[in-house]
Amino acid sequence: MSKRLQVVLPDAEIDRYARTAEAEGLTLSEWVRQVLRRAGLERTAGKVDERLAAVRVASRHQFPVAAIETMLAEVDRGYRAAADP
């Protein structure tokens, strides 16, 4: 499903974008779609970089941990205890 997005811009700005789109062999609509997609990806990439940096910092520490089966059982017991009044 597609939806229409209306954006109000000054004539000079639209003309500049239209010339840029034409120079790239695109319609103005397709050029705008591509620019918006790239902007969304760049925004997401920044968050990924921040998350990876946090993981790298956290991985420098060593904490005692149990086997995964033990931890899952403890979590399950905690959920059950919270569910029983």
N, C-alpha and C. Protein backbone atom coordinates (compact mmCIF):
# COMPACT_ATOMS: atom_id res chain seq x y z
N MET A 1 0.84 -1.17 0.00
CA MET A 1 0.00 0.00 0.00
C MET A 1 0.89 1.24 0.00
N SER A 2 0.49 2.22 -0.72
CA SER A 2 1.23 3.48 -0.79
C SER A 2 0.36 4.61 -0.29
N LYS A 3 0.99 5.61 0.24
CA LYS A 3 0.29 6.82 0.68
C LYS A 3 0.99 8.02 0.08
N ARG A 4 0.22 9.04 -0.12
CA ARG A 4 0.73 10.28 -0.67
C ARG A 4 1.21 11.17 0.47
N LEU A 5 2.35 11.83 0.26
CA LEU A 5 2.91 12.76 1.24
C LEU A 5 2.99 14.12 0.57
N GLN A 6 2.38 15.10 1.18
CA GLN A 6 2.43 16.45 0.63
C GLN A 6 3.39 17.28 1.46
N VAL A 7 4.35 17.90 0.77
CA VAL A 7 5.33 18.75 1.44
C VAL A 7 5.30 20.10 0.76
N VAL A 8 5.14 21.14 1.52
CA VAL A 8 5.08 22.50 0.97
C VAL A 8 6.47 23.12 1.04
N LEU A 9 6.97 23.52 -0.13
CA LEU A 9 8.30 24.12 -0.23
C LEU A 9 8.22 25.37 -1.09
N PRO A 10 9.14 26.30 -0.89
CA PRO A 10 9.19 27.48 -1.75
C PRO A 10 9.51 27.08 -3.19
N ASP A 11 9.02 27.86 -4.14
CA ASP A 11 9.24 27.56 -5.56
C ASP A 11 10.72 27.40 -5.90
N ALA A 12 11.55 28.28 -5.35
CA ALA A 12 12.99 28.22 -5.66
C ALA A 12 13.59 26.89 -5.23
N GLU A 13 13.16 26.42 -4.09
CA GLU A 13 13.68 25.15 -3.58
C GLU A 13 13.23 23.99 -4.47
N ILE A 14 11.96 23.99 -4.84
CA ILE A 14 11.45 22.93 -5.72
C ILE A 14 12.18 22.95 -7.05
N ASP A 15 12.40 24.14 -7.60
CA ASP A 15 13.12 24.24 -8.88
C ASP A 15 14.53 23.67 -8.76
N ARG A 16 15.21 23.97 -7.65
CA ARG A 16 16.57 23.47 -7.44
C ARG A 16 16.56 21.94 -7.34
N TYR A 17 15.61 21.38 -6.59
CA TYR A 17 15.51 19.92 -6.47
C TYR A 17 15.16 19.28 -7.80
N ALA A 18 14.29 19.92 -8.55
CA ALA A 18 13.89 19.38 -9.86
C ALA A 18 15.08 19.34 -10.82
N ARG A 19 15.90 20.39 -10.80
CA ARG A 19 17.10 20.39 -11.65
C ARG A 19 18.08 19.30 -11.23
N THR A 20 18.23 19.11 -9.93
CA THR A 20 19.12 18.06 -9.43
C THR A 20 18.61 16.69 -9.85
N ALA A 21 17.32 16.47 -9.71
CA ALA A 21 16.72 15.19 -10.09
C ALA A 21 16.90 14.93 -11.58
N GLU A 22 16.66 15.97 -12.38
CA GLU A 22 16.80 15.83 -13.84
C GLU A 22 18.24 15.50 -14.22
N ALA A 23 19.19 16.13 -13.54
CA ALA A 23 20.61 15.87 -13.81
C ALA A 23 20.97 14.42 -13.50
N GLU A 24 20.25 13.82 -12.56
CA GLU A 24 20.49 12.42 -12.20
C GLU A 24 19.61 11.47 -13.00
N GLY A 25 18.81 12.01 -13.90
CA GLY A 25 17.95 11.17 -14.73
C GLY A 25 16.74 10.62 -13.99
N LEU A 26 16.29 11.36 -12.97
CA LEU A 26 15.17 10.90 -12.16
C LEU A 26 14.04 11.93 -12.18
N THR A 27 12.84 11.44 -11.92
CA THR A 27 11.75 12.38 -11.68
C THR A 27 11.97 13.00 -10.31
N LEU A 28 11.34 14.11 -10.08
CA LEU A 28 11.47 14.76 -8.78
C LEU A 28 10.96 13.84 -7.68
N SER A 29 9.84 13.16 -7.93
CA SER A 29 9.27 12.25 -6.92
C SER A 29 10.24 11.14 -6.57
N GLU A 30 10.85 10.52 -7.58
CA GLU A 30 11.79 9.42 -7.32
C GLU A 30 13.03 9.93 -6.60
N TRP A 31 13.49 11.11 -6.99
CA TRP A 31 14.66 11.69 -6.33
C TRP A 31 14.37 11.91 -4.85
N VAL A 32 13.20 12.47 -4.53
CA VAL A 32 12.82 12.72 -3.15
C VAL A 32 12.73 11.40 -2.38
N ARG A 33 12.13 10.36 -2.99
CA ARG A 33 12.04 9.06 -2.31
C ARG A 33 13.43 8.53 -1.97
N GLN A 34 14.35 8.62 -2.93
CA GLN A 34 15.71 8.11 -2.69
C GLN A 34 16.42 8.90 -1.60
N VAL A 35 16.25 10.22 -1.60
CA VAL A 35 16.89 11.05 -0.57
C VAL A 35 16.34 10.70 0.81
N LEU A 36 15.02 10.52 0.90
CA LEU A 36 14.42 10.16 2.19
C LEU A 36 14.90 8.79 2.66
N ARG A 37 15.00 7.83 1.75
CA ARG A 37 15.49 6.49 2.14
C ARG A 37 16.91 6.58 2.67
N ARG A 38 17.78 7.31 1.95
CA ARG A 38 19.17 7.45 2.40
C ARG A 38 19.25 8.12 3.76
N ALA A 39 18.44 9.14 3.98
CA ALA A 39 18.44 9.83 5.27
C ALA A 39 18.02 8.88 6.39
N GLY A 40 17.03 8.04 6.12
CA GLY A 40 16.60 7.07 7.12
C GLY A 40 17.68 6.05 7.43
N LEU A 41 18.39 5.60 6.40
CA LEU A 41 19.47 4.63 6.61
C LEU A 41 20.62 5.24 7.39
N GLU A 42 20.97 6.47 7.07
CA GLU A 42 22.07 7.13 7.78
C GLU A 42 21.73 7.30 9.26
N ARG A 43 20.50 7.63 9.53
CA ARG A 43 20.06 7.81 10.92
C ARG A 43 20.15 6.48 11.68
N THR A 44 19.73 5.41 11.04
CA THR A 44 19.79 4.08 11.65
C THR A 44 21.23 3.65 11.84
N ALA A 45 22.08 3.93 10.87
CA ALA A 45 23.49 3.52 10.97
C ALA A 45 24.16 4.17 12.17
N GLY A 46 23.83 5.42 12.47
CA GLY A 46 24.41 6.08 13.63
C GLY A 46 24.05 5.37 14.91
N LYS A 47 22.83 4.92 15.01
CA LYS A 47 22.40 4.21 16.20
C LYS A 47 23.13 2.88 16.32
N VAL A 48 23.36 2.22 15.20
CA VAL A 48 24.07 0.94 15.22
C VAL A 48 25.49 1.16 15.71
N ASP A 49 26.14 2.22 15.24
CA ASP A 49 27.51 2.52 15.68
C ASP A 49 27.56 2.77 17.19
N GLU A 50 26.56 3.49 17.71
CA GLU A 50 26.52 3.76 19.15
C GLU A 50 26.33 2.46 19.93
N ARG A 51 25.48 1.60 19.44
CA ARG A 51 25.21 0.33 20.12
C ARG A 51 26.45 -0.56 20.11
N LEU A 52 27.11 -0.62 18.97
CA LEU A 52 28.33 -1.44 18.89
C LEU A 52 29.40 -0.91 19.83
N ALA A 53 29.52 0.40 19.94
CA ALA A 53 30.50 0.99 20.86
C ALA A 53 30.17 0.59 22.30
N ALA A 54 28.89 0.60 22.65
CA ALA A 54 28.49 0.21 24.01
C ALA A 54 28.81 -1.26 24.27
N VAL A 55 28.60 -2.11 23.28
CA VAL A 55 28.90 -3.53 23.43
C VAL A 55 30.41 -3.73 23.61
N ARG A 56 31.19 -2.98 22.84
CA ARG A 56 32.64 -3.11 22.96
C ARG A 56 33.12 -2.70 24.35
N VAL A 57 32.55 -1.63 24.89
CA VAL A 57 32.92 -1.20 26.24
C VAL A 57 32.52 -2.26 27.25
N ALA A 58 31.30 -2.76 27.14
CA ALA A 58 30.81 -3.76 28.08
C ALA A 58 31.62 -5.05 28.01
N SER A 59 32.10 -5.40 26.84
CA SER A 59 32.82 -6.66 26.69
C SER A 59 34.20 -6.63 27.34
N ARG A 60 34.66 -5.46 27.73
CA ARG A 60 35.95 -5.35 28.42
C ARG A 60 35.86 -5.81 29.87
N HIS A 61 34.64 -5.90 30.40
CA HIS A 61 34.45 -6.27 31.79
C HIS A 61 34.21 -7.78 31.90
N GLN A 62 34.53 -8.31 33.06
CA GLN A 62 34.27 -9.73 33.29
C GLN A 62 33.43 -9.85 34.56
N PHE A 63 32.29 -10.48 34.41
CA PHE A 63 31.39 -10.69 35.53
C PHE A 63 31.09 -12.17 35.62
N PRO A 64 30.82 -12.67 36.82
CA PRO A 64 30.47 -14.09 36.94
C PRO A 64 29.11 -14.34 36.30
N VAL A 65 29.02 -15.41 35.54
CA VAL A 65 27.75 -15.79 34.91
C VAL A 65 27.55 -17.29 35.08
N ALA A 66 26.30 -17.67 35.04
CA ALA A 66 25.97 -19.09 35.13
C ALA A 66 25.77 -19.65 33.72
N ALA A 67 25.60 -20.95 33.66
CA ALA A 67 25.27 -21.58 32.38
C ALA A 67 23.91 -21.06 31.93
N ILE A 68 23.68 -20.99 30.65
CA ILE A 68 22.44 -20.43 30.12
C ILE A 68 21.22 -21.16 30.66
N GLU A 69 21.30 -22.46 30.82
CA GLU A 69 20.16 -23.23 31.34
C GLU A 69 19.80 -22.76 32.75
N THR A 70 20.83 -22.50 33.57
CA THR A 70 20.61 -22.04 34.94
C THR A 70 19.96 -20.66 34.94
N MET A 71 20.46 -19.76 34.09
CA MET A 71 19.91 -18.41 34.04
C MET A 71 18.46 -18.42 33.55
N LEU A 72 18.17 -19.24 32.55
CA LEU A 72 16.80 -19.33 32.04
C LEU A 72 15.85 -19.87 33.10
N ALA A 73 16.32 -20.85 33.86
CA ALA A 73 15.49 -21.40 34.94
C ALA A 73 15.22 -20.34 36.00
N GLU A 74 16.22 -19.53 36.33
CA GLU A 74 16.03 -18.47 37.31
C GLU A 74 15.05 -17.42 36.81
N VAL A 75 15.14 -17.08 35.55
CA VAL A 75 14.20 -16.11 34.96
C VAL A 75 12.79 -16.68 35.01
N ASP A 76 12.66 -17.94 34.64
CA ASP A 76 11.34 -18.58 34.65
C ASP A 76 10.75 -18.59 36.06
N ARG A 77 11.57 -18.91 37.06
CA ARG A 77 11.10 -18.89 38.46
C ARG A 77 10.65 -17.49 38.85
N GLY A 78 11.36 -16.48 38.39
CA GLY A 78 10.99 -15.09 38.70
C GLY A 78 9.65 -14.73 38.09
N TYR A 79 9.42 -15.14 36.83
CA TYR A 79 8.12 -14.88 36.19
C TYR A 79 7.00 -15.58 36.93
N ARG A 80 7.24 -16.83 37.32
CA ARG A 80 6.19 -17.57 38.03
C ARG A 80 5.87 -16.96 39.38
N ALA A 81 6.92 -16.51 40.07
CA ALA A 81 6.70 -15.90 41.38
C ALA A 81 5.91 -14.59 41.23
N ALA A 82 6.17 -13.84 40.19
CA ALA A 82 5.45 -12.59 39.96
C ALA A 82 4.00 -12.85 39.57
N ALA A 83 3.74 -13.96 38.90
CA ALA A 83 2.38 -14.28 38.45
C ALA A 83 1.52 -14.82 39.58
N ASP A 84 2.13 -15.47 40.59
CA ASP A 84 1.39 -16.01 41.72
C ASP A 84 1.23 -14.95 42.80
N PRO A 85 -0.02 -14.57 43.13
CA PRO A 85 -0.21 -13.52 44.15
C PRO A 85 0.09 -14.01 45.55
